[in-house]
């Protein structure tokens, strides 16, 4: 009996960790996700974002990105080079 309780607790804990990580939700299409589709030589990137079932497309303007348009299910963003901090 105690073994079943511990096994159920371990399964519940593993599920909570997987959901908290977010990869499971993005892979299932529940939350939005972005993928870098092009990197330029100066470090800027072109990202393709797809909306999730529970939320719309992400807004990358807070990262300094500019909307580059929408094609099909994807919205494209041009993002500046990331500055390294030391």
PDB file of N, CA and C in Angstrom:
ATOM      1  N   UNK A   1       0.820  -1.186   0.000  1.00  0.00           N
ATOM      2  CA  UNK A   1       0.000   0.000   0.000  1.00  0.00           C
ATOM      3  C   UNK A   1       0.873   1.263   0.000  1.00  0.00           C
ATOM      4  N   UNK A   2       1.900   1.276   0.833  1.00  0.00           N
ATOM      5  CA  UNK A   2       2.794   2.420   0.901  1.00  0.00           C
ATOM      6  C   UNK A   2       3.555   2.595  -0.413  1.00  0.00           C
ATOM      7  N   UNK A   3       3.882   1.485  -1.053  1.00  0.00           N
ATOM      8  CA  UNK A   3       4.593   1.542  -2.332  1.00  0.00           C
ATOM      9  C   UNK A   3       3.738   2.234  -3.388  1.00  0.00           C
ATOM     10  N   UNK A   4       2.454   1.947  -3.420  1.00  0.00           N
ATOM     11  CA  UNK A   4       1.551   2.579  -4.391  1.00  0.00           C
ATOM     12  C   UNK A   4       1.450   4.082  -4.148  1.00  0.00           C
ATOM     13  N   UNK A   5       1.390   4.478  -2.908  1.00  0.00           N
ATOM     14  CA  UNK A   5       1.304   5.899  -2.568  1.00  0.00           C
ATOM     15  C   UNK A   5       2.584   6.612  -2.985  1.00  0.00           C
ATOM     16  N   UNK A   6       3.731   6.010  -2.699  1.00  0.00           N
ATOM     17  CA  UNK A   6       5.006   6.612  -3.096  1.00  0.00           C
ATOM     18  C   UNK A   6       5.146   6.674  -4.618  1.00  0.00           C
ATOM     19  N   UNK A   7       4.708   5.642  -5.303  1.00  0.00           N
ATOM     20  CA  UNK A   7       4.767   5.623  -6.766  1.00  0.00           C
ATOM     21  C   UNK A   7       3.856   6.707  -7.362  1.00  0.00           C
ATOM     22  N   UNK A   8       2.662   6.848  -6.829  1.00  0.00           N
ATOM     23  CA  UNK A   8       1.746   7.893  -7.302  1.00  0.00           C
ATOM     24  C   UNK A   8       2.328   9.276  -7.026  1.00  0.00           C
ATOM     25  N   UNK A   9       2.931   9.462  -5.862  1.00  0.00           N
ATOM     26  CA  UNK A   9       3.566  10.741  -5.534  1.00  0.00           C
ATOM     27  C   UNK A   9       4.722  11.058  -6.463  1.00  0.00           C
ATOM     28  N   UNK A  10       5.531  10.056  -6.794  1.00  0.00           N
ATOM     29  CA  UNK A  10       6.654  10.262  -7.709  1.00  0.00           C
ATOM     30  C   UNK A  10       6.156  10.619  -9.108  1.00  0.00           C
ATOM     31  N   UNK A  11       5.104   9.961  -9.568  1.00  0.00           N
ATOM     32  CA  UNK A  11       4.532  10.278 -10.883  1.00  0.00           C
ATOM     33  C   UNK A  11       3.955  11.690 -10.903  1.00  0.00           C
ATOM     34  N   UNK A  12       3.283  12.080  -9.847  1.00  0.00           N
ATOM     35  CA  UNK A  12       2.724  13.428  -9.752  1.00  0.00           C
ATOM     36  C   UNK A  12       3.836  14.472  -9.732  1.00  0.00           C
ATOM     37  N   UNK A  13       4.883  14.210  -8.986  1.00  0.00           N
ATOM     38  CA  UNK A  13       6.022  15.130  -8.932  1.00  0.00           C
ATOM     39  C   UNK A  13       6.686  15.270 -10.300  1.00  0.00           C
ATOM     40  N   UNK A  14       6.886  14.162 -11.006  1.00  0.00           N
ATOM     41  CA  UNK A  14       7.502  14.196 -12.333  1.00  0.00           C
ATOM     42  C   UNK A  14       6.629  14.979 -13.312  1.00  0.00           C
ATOM     43  N   UNK A  15       5.327  14.817 -13.236  1.00  0.00           N
ATOM     44  CA  UNK A  15       4.410  15.568 -14.094  1.00  0.00           C
ATOM     45  C   UNK A  15       4.483  17.054 -13.801  1.00  0.00           C
ATOM     46  N   UNK A  16       4.528  17.429 -12.539  1.00  0.00           N
ATOM     47  CA  UNK A  16       4.620  18.840 -12.161  1.00  0.00           C
ATOM     48  C   UNK A  16       5.916  19.466 -12.655  1.00  0.00           C
ATOM     49  N   UNK A  17       7.023  18.751 -12.558  1.00  0.00           N
ATOM     50  CA  UNK A  17       8.314  19.258 -13.034  1.00  0.00           C
ATOM     51  C   UNK A  17       8.286  19.438 -14.547  1.00  0.00           C
ATOM     52  N   UNK A  18       7.707  18.476 -15.265  1.00  0.00           N
ATOM     53  CA  UNK A  18       7.637  18.565 -16.726  1.00  0.00           C
ATOM     54  C   UNK A  18       6.782  19.746 -17.175  1.00  0.00           C
ATOM     55  N   UNK A  19       5.688  20.006 -16.516  1.00  0.00           N
ATOM     56  CA  UNK A  19       4.823  21.128 -16.878  1.00  0.00           C
ATOM     57  C   UNK A  19       5.483  22.450 -16.510  1.00  0.00           C
ATOM     58  N   UNK A  20       6.125  22.517 -15.373  1.00  0.00           N
ATOM     59  CA  UNK A  20       6.803  23.743 -14.952  1.00  0.00           C
ATOM     60  C   UNK A  20       7.913  24.118 -15.927  1.00  0.00           C
ATOM     61  N   UNK A  21       8.607  23.145 -16.472  1.00  0.00           N
ATOM     62  CA  UNK A  21       9.678  23.378 -17.432  1.00  0.00           C
ATOM     63  C   UNK A  21       9.135  24.049 -18.694  1.00  0.00           C
ATOM     64  N   UNK A  22       7.943  23.722 -19.125  1.00  0.00           N
ATOM     65  CA  UNK A  22       7.299  24.364 -20.252  1.00  0.00           C
ATOM     66  C   UNK A  22       7.478  23.663 -21.581  1.00  0.00           C
ATOM     67  N   UNK A  23       8.454  22.784 -21.697  1.00  0.00           N
ATOM     68  CA  UNK A  23       8.675  22.105 -22.977  1.00  0.00           C
ATOM     69  C   UNK A  23       7.489  21.235 -23.379  1.00  0.00           C
ATOM     70  N   UNK A  24       6.880  20.581 -22.422  1.00  0.00           N
ATOM     71  CA  UNK A  24       5.744  19.708 -22.728  1.00  0.00           C
ATOM     72  C   UNK A  24       4.594  20.532 -23.288  1.00  0.00           C
ATOM     73  N   UNK A  25       4.328  21.688 -22.686  1.00  0.00           N
ATOM     74  CA  UNK A  25       3.223  22.532 -23.144  1.00  0.00           C
ATOM     75  C   UNK A  25       3.503  23.116 -24.525  1.00  0.00           C
ATOM     76  N   UNK A  26       4.742  23.527 -24.793  1.00  0.00           N
ATOM     77  CA  UNK A  26       5.087  24.060 -26.117  1.00  0.00           C
ATOM     78  C   UNK A  26       5.021  22.979 -27.178  1.00  0.00           C
ATOM     79  N   UNK A  27       5.521  21.795 -26.872  1.00  0.00           N
ATOM     80  CA  UNK A  27       5.507  20.694 -27.829  1.00  0.00           C
ATOM     81  C   UNK A  27       4.085  20.271 -28.166  1.00  0.00           C
ATOM     82  N   UNK A  28       3.204  20.312 -27.194  1.00  0.00           N
ATOM     83  CA  UNK A  28       1.806  19.940 -27.412  1.00  0.00           C
ATOM     84  C   UNK A  28       1.023  21.042 -28.115  1.00  0.00           C
ATOM     85  N   UNK A  29       1.615  22.229 -28.285  1.00  0.00           N
ATOM     86  CA  UNK A  29       0.945  23.327 -28.962  1.00  0.00           C
ATOM     87  C   UNK A  29      -0.007  24.101 -28.073  1.00  0.00           C
ATOM     88  N   UNK A  30       0.112  23.942 -26.771  1.00  0.00           N
ATOM     89  CA  UNK A  30      -0.771  24.638 -25.838  1.00  0.00           C
ATOM     90  C   UNK A  30      -0.304  26.066 -25.632  1.00  0.00           C
ATOM     91  N   UNK A  31       0.990  26.274 -25.521  1.00  0.00           N
ATOM     92  CA  UNK A  31       1.524  27.629 -25.388  1.00  0.00           C
ATOM     93  C   UNK A  31       2.281  28.001 -26.661  1.00  0.00           C
ATOM     94  N   UNK A  32       2.471  29.294 -26.861  1.00  0.00           N
ATOM     95  CA  UNK A  32       3.153  29.783 -28.064  1.00  0.00           C
ATOM     96  C   UNK A  32       4.635  29.428 -28.010  1.00  0.00           C
ATOM     97  N   UNK A  33       5.245  29.398 -29.203  1.00  0.00           N
ATOM     98  CA  UNK A  33       6.680  29.145 -29.254  1.00  0.00           C
ATOM     99  C   UNK A  33       7.295  29.876 -30.436  1.00  0.00           C
ATOM    100  N   UNK A  34       8.544  30.234 -30.277  1.00  0.00           N
ATOM    101  CA  UNK A  34       9.306  30.918 -31.323  1.00  0.00           C
ATOM    102  C   UNK A  34      10.566  30.121 -31.635  1.00  0.00           C
ATOM    103  N   UNK A  35      10.955  30.164 -32.888  1.00  0.00           N
ATOM    104  CA  UNK A  35      12.148  29.471 -33.344  1.00  0.00           C
ATOM    105  C   UNK A  35      12.963  30.422 -34.207  1.00  0.00           C
ATOM    106  N   UNK A  36      14.256  30.462 -33.982  1.00  0.00           N
ATOM    107  CA  UNK A  36      15.132  31.287 -34.816  1.00  0.00           C
ATOM    108  C   UNK A  36      15.302  30.563 -36.145  1.00  0.00           C
ATOM    109  N   UNK A  37      14.942  31.248 -37.246  1.00  0.00           N
ATOM    110  CA  UNK A  37      15.037  30.625 -38.564  1.00  0.00           C
ATOM    111  C   UNK A  37      16.204  31.167 -39.378  1.00  0.00           C
ATOM    112  N   UNK A  38      16.775  32.303 -38.944  1.00  0.00           N
ATOM    113  CA  UNK A  38      17.916  32.869 -39.666  1.00  0.00           C
ATOM    114  C   UNK A  38      18.750  33.711 -38.716  1.00  0.00           C
ATOM    115  N   UNK A  39      20.070  33.557 -38.785  1.00  0.00           N
ATOM    116  CA  UNK A  39      21.007  34.395 -38.033  1.00  0.00           C
ATOM    117  C   UNK A  39      21.883  35.129 -39.027  1.00  0.00           C
ATOM    118  N   UNK A  40      21.968  36.438 -38.878  1.00  0.00           N
ATOM    119  CA  UNK A  40      22.800  37.240 -39.764  1.00  0.00           C
ATOM    120  C   UNK A  40      24.207  37.370 -39.189  1.00  0.00           C
ATOM    121  N   UNK A  41      25.155  37.785 -40.007  1.00  0.00           N
ATOM    122  CA  UNK A  41      26.555  37.857 -39.585  1.00  0.00           C
ATOM    123  C   UNK A  41      26.766  38.868 -38.464  1.00  0.00           C
ATOM    124  N   UNK A  42      25.970  39.932 -38.403  1.00  0.00           N
ATOM    125  CA  UNK A  42      26.134  40.920 -37.336  1.00  0.00           C
ATOM    126  C   UNK A  42      25.456  40.494 -36.032  1.00  0.00           C
ATOM    127  N   UNK A  43      24.799  39.339 -36.035  1.00  0.00           N
ATOM    128  CA  UNK A  43      24.206  38.805 -34.818  1.00  0.00           C
ATOM    129  C   UNK A  43      22.706  38.938 -34.724  1.00  0.00           C
ATOM    130  N   UNK A  44      22.086  39.680 -35.628  1.00  0.00           N
ATOM    131  CA  UNK A  44      20.630  39.807 -35.572  1.00  0.00           C
ATOM    132  C   UNK A  44      19.979  38.495 -36.022  1.00  0.00           C
ATOM    133  N   UNK A  45      18.717  38.322 -35.641  1.00  0.00           N
ATOM    134  CA  UNK A  45      18.023  37.065 -35.913  1.00  0.00           C
ATOM    135  C   UNK A  45      16.646  37.324 -36.515  1.00  0.00           C
ATOM    136  N   UNK A  46      16.150  36.338 -37.246  1.00  0.00           N
ATOM    137  CA  UNK A  46      14.782  36.316 -37.727  1.00  0.00           C
ATOM    138  C   UNK A  46      14.108  35.158 -37.013  1.00  0.00           C
ATOM    139  N   UNK A  47      13.060  35.477 -36.252  1.00  0.00           N
ATOM    140  CA  UNK A  47      12.364  34.460 -35.464  1.00  0.00           C
ATOM    141  C   UNK A  47      10.973  34.233 -36.035  1.00  0.00           C
ATOM    142  N   UNK A  48      10.554  32.977 -36.088  1.00  0.00           N
ATOM    143  CA  UNK A  48       9.214  32.598 -36.519  1.00  0.00           C
ATOM    144  C   UNK A  48       8.444  32.145 -35.286  1.00  0.00           C
ATOM    145  N   UNK A  49       7.312  32.797 -35.003  1.00  0.00           N
ATOM    146  CA  UNK A  49       6.527  32.476 -33.815  1.00  0.00           C
ATOM    147  C   UNK A  49       5.166  31.909 -34.217  1.00  0.00           C
ATOM    148  N   UNK A  50       4.746  30.913 -33.489  1.00  0.00           N
ATOM    149  CA  UNK A  50       3.460  30.258 -33.741  1.00  0.00           C
ATOM    150  C   UNK A  50       2.625  30.358 -32.472  1.00  0.00           C
ATOM    151  N   UNK A  51       1.355  30.679 -32.638  1.00  0.00           N
ATOM    152  CA  UNK A  51       0.491  30.838 -31.473  1.00  0.00           C
ATOM    153  C   UNK A  51       0.143  29.481 -30.876  1.00  0.00           C
ATOM    154  N   UNK A  52      -0.217  29.507 -29.596  1.00  0.00           N
ATOM    155  CA  UNK A  52      -0.646  28.309 -28.908  1.00  0.00           C
ATOM    156  C   UNK A  52      -2.156  28.254 -28.824  1.00  0.00           C
ATOM    157  N   UNK A  53      -2.674  27.155 -28.319  1.00  0.00           N
ATOM    158  CA  UNK A  53      -4.120  26.991 -28.189  1.00  0.00           C
ATOM    159  C   UNK A  53      -4.691  27.840 -27.065  1.00  0.00           C
ATOM    160  N   UNK A  54      -3.891  28.123 -26.041  1.00  0.00           N
ATOM    161  CA  UNK A  54      -4.376  28.902 -24.896  1.00  0.00           C
ATOM    162  C   UNK A  54      -3.984  30.365 -24.954  1.00  0.00           C
ATOM    163  N   UNK A  55      -3.060  30.718 -25.813  1.00  0.00           N
ATOM    164  CA  UNK A  55      -2.610  32.095 -25.910  1.00  0.00           C
ATOM    165  C   UNK A  55      -2.321  32.440 -27.359  1.00  0.00           C
ATOM    166  N   UNK A  56      -2.332  33.714 -27.669  1.00  0.00           N
ATOM    167  CA  UNK A  56      -2.047  34.151 -29.028  1.00  0.00           C
ATOM    168  C   UNK A  56      -0.560  34.138 -29.321  1.00  0.00           C
ATOM    169  N   UNK A  57      -0.204  34.761 -30.431  1.00  0.00           N
ATOM    170  CA  UNK A  57       1.209  34.840 -30.796  1.00  0.00           C
ATOM    171  C   UNK A  57       1.950  35.730 -29.808  1.00  0.00           C
ATOM    172  N   UNK A  58       3.185  35.399 -29.500  1.00  0.00           N
ATOM    173  CA  UNK A  58       3.950  36.227 -28.559  1.00  0.00           C
ATOM    174  C   UNK A  58       4.313  37.577 -29.176  1.00  0.00           C
ATOM    175  N   UNK A  59       4.422  38.575 -28.320  1.00  0.00           N
ATOM    176  CA  UNK A  59       4.809  39.918 -28.734  1.00  0.00           C
ATOM    177  C   UNK A  59       6.262  40.124 -28.336  1.00  0.00           C
ATOM    178  N   UNK A  60       7.160  40.178 -29.303  1.00  0.00           N
ATOM    179  CA  UNK A  60       8.589  40.277 -29.022  1.00  0.00           C
ATOM    180  C   UNK A  60       9.099  41.713 -29.031  1.00  0.00           C
ATOM    181  N   UNK A  61       8.203  42.686 -29.044  1.00  0.00           N
ATOM    182  CA  UNK A  61       8.636  44.092 -29.047  1.00  0.00           C
ATOM    183  C   UNK A  61       9.404  44.459 -27.782  1.00  0.00           C
ATOM    184  N   UNK A  62       9.116  43.804 -26.670  1.00  0.00           N
ATOM    185  CA  UNK A  62       9.841  44.095 -25.420  1.00  0.00           C
ATOM    186  C   UNK A  62      11.313  43.723 -25.523  1.00  0.00           C
ATOM    187  N   UNK A  63      11.641  42.821 -26.412  1.00  0.00           N
ATOM    188  CA  UNK A  63      13.043  42.432 -26.641  1.00  0.00           C
ATOM    189  C   UNK A  63      13.700  43.299 -27.699  1.00  0.00           C
ATOM    190  N   UNK A  64      12.967  44.290 -28.214  1.00  0.00           N
ATOM    191  CA  UNK A  64      13.524  45.175 -29.228  1.00  0.00           C
ATOM    192  C   UNK A  64      13.334  44.663 -30.638  1.00  0.00           C
ATOM    193  N   UNK A  65      12.487  43.661 -30.833  1.00  0.00           N
ATOM    194  CA  UNK A  65      12.267  43.078 -32.146  1.00  0.00           C
ATOM    195  C   UNK A  65      11.224  43.875 -32.925  1.00  0.00           C
ATOM    196  N   UNK A  66      11.329  43.810 -34.242  1.00  0.00           N
ATOM    197  CA  UNK A  66      10.385  44.481 -35.127  1.00  0.00           C
ATOM    198  C   UNK A  66       9.562  43.437 -35.871  1.00  0.00           C
ATOM    199  N   UNK A  67       8.257  43.682 -36.000  1.00  0.00           N
ATOM    200  CA  UNK A  67       7.364  42.780 -36.719  1.00  0.00           C
ATOM    201  C   UNK A  67       7.751  42.756 -38.192  1.00  0.00           C
ATOM    202  N   UNK A  68       8.022  41.572 -38.729  1.00  0.00           N
ATOM    203  CA  UNK A  68       8.433  41.429 -40.125  1.00  0.00           C
ATOM    204  C   UNK A  68       7.324  40.832 -40.981  1.00  0.00           C
ATOM    205  N   UNK A  69       6.139  40.643 -40.402  1.00  0.00           N
ATOM    206  CA  UNK A  69       5.006  40.148 -41.180  1.00  0.00           C
ATOM    207  C   UNK A  69       4.555  38.762 -40.769  1.00  0.00           C
ATOM    208  N   UNK A  70       3.440  38.355 -41.375  1.00  0.00           N
ATOM    209  CA  UNK A  70       2.828  37.068 -41.074  1.00  0.00           C
ATOM    210  C   UNK A  70       2.712  36.264 -42.358  1.00  0.00           C
ATOM    211  N   UNK A  71       3.008  34.988 -42.270  1.00  0.00           N
ATOM    212  CA  UNK A  71       2.878  34.092 -43.407  1.00  0.00           C
ATOM    213  C   UNK A  71       2.310  32.778 -42.892  1.00  0.00           C
ATOM    214  N   UNK A  72       1.093  32.476 -43.271  1.00  0.00           N
ATOM    215  CA  UNK A  72       0.437  31.256 -42.805  1.00  0.00           C
ATOM    216  C   UNK A  72       0.203  31.309 -41.301  1.00  0.00           C
ATOM    217  N   UNK A  73       0.651  30.309 -40.594  1.00  0.00           N
ATOM    218  CA  UNK A  73       0.479  30.239 -39.136  1.00  0.00           C
ATOM    219  C   UNK A  73       1.581  30.949 -38.369  1.00  0.00           C
ATOM    220  N   UNK A  74       2.581  31.436 -39.062  1.00  0.00           N
ATOM    221  CA  UNK A  74       3.750  32.009 -38.401  1.00  0.00           C
ATOM    222  C   UNK A  74       3.792  33.527 -38.525  1.00  0.00           C
ATOM    223  N   UNK A  75       4.236  34.167 -37.449  1.00  0.00           N
ATOM    224  CA  UNK A  75       4.517  35.595 -37.448  1.00  0.00           C
ATOM    225  C   UNK A  75       6.030  35.730 -37.314  1.00  0.00           C
ATOM    226  N   UNK A  76       6.629  36.539 -38.180  1.00  0.00           N
ATOM    227  CA  UNK A  76       8.080  36.678 -38.205  1.00  0.00           C
ATOM    228  C   UNK A  76       8.499  37.975 -37.532  1.00  0.00           C
ATOM    229  N   UNK A  77       9.617  37.904 -36.800  1.00  0.00           N
ATOM    230  CA  UNK A  77      10.164  39.048 -36.078  1.00  0.00           C
ATOM    231  C   UNK A  77      11.643  39.190 -36.395  1.00  0.00           C
ATOM    232  N   UNK A  78      12.096  40.409 -36.631  1.00  0.00           N
ATOM    233  CA  UNK A  78      13.526  40.710 -36.786  1.00  0.00           C
ATOM    234  C   UNK A  78      14.034  41.218 -35.439  1.00  0.00           C
ATOM    235  N   UNK A  79      14.949  40.492 -34.860  1.00  0.00           N
ATOM    236  CA  UNK A  79      15.454  40.829 -33.534  1.00  0.00           C
ATOM    237  C   UNK A  79      16.912  41.286 -33.614  1.00  0.00           C
ATOM    238  N   UNK A  80      17.271  42.317 -32.833  1.00  0.00           N
ATOM    239  CA  UNK A  80      18.653  42.807 -32.858  1.00  0.00           C
ATOM    240  C   UNK A  80      19.619  41.828 -32.209  1.00  0.00           C
ATOM    241  N   UNK A  81      20.882  42.059 -32.430  1.00  0.00           N
ATOM    242  CA  UNK A  81      21.926  41.238 -31.819  1.00  0.00           C
ATOM    243  C   UNK A  81      21.869  41.380 -30.307  1.00  0.00           C
ATOM    244  N   UNK A  82      22.083  40.310 -29.608  1.00  0.00           N
ATOM    245  CA  UNK A  82      22.081  40.318 -28.151  1.00  0.00           C
ATOM    246  C   UNK A  82      23.441  40.817 -27.662  1.00  0.00           C
ATOM    247  N   UNK A  83      23.422  41.780 -26.785  1.00  0.00           N
ATOM    248  CA  UNK A  83      24.659  42.341 -26.238  1.00  0.00           C
ATOM    249  C   UNK A  83      25.142  41.467 -25.093  1.00  0.00           C
ATOM    250  N   UNK A  84      26.384  41.067 -25.139  1.00  0.00           N
ATOM    251  CA  UNK A  84      26.976  40.256 -24.061  1.00  0.00           C
ATOM    252  C   UNK A  84      27.307  41.162 -22.887  1.00  0.00           C
ATOM    253  N   UNK A  85      26.975  40.687 -21.678  1.00  0.00           N
ATOM    254  CA  UNK A  85      27.296  41.457 -20.468  1.00  0.00           C
ATOM    255  C   UNK A  85      28.350  40.705 -19.684  1.00  0.00           C
ATOM    256  N   UNK A  86      29.393  41.413 -19.301  1.00  0.00           N
ATOM    257  CA  UNK A  86      30.476  40.791 -18.513  1.00  0.00           C
ATOM    258  C   UNK A  86      30.712  41.589 -17.260  1.00  0.00           C
TER     259      UNK A  86
END
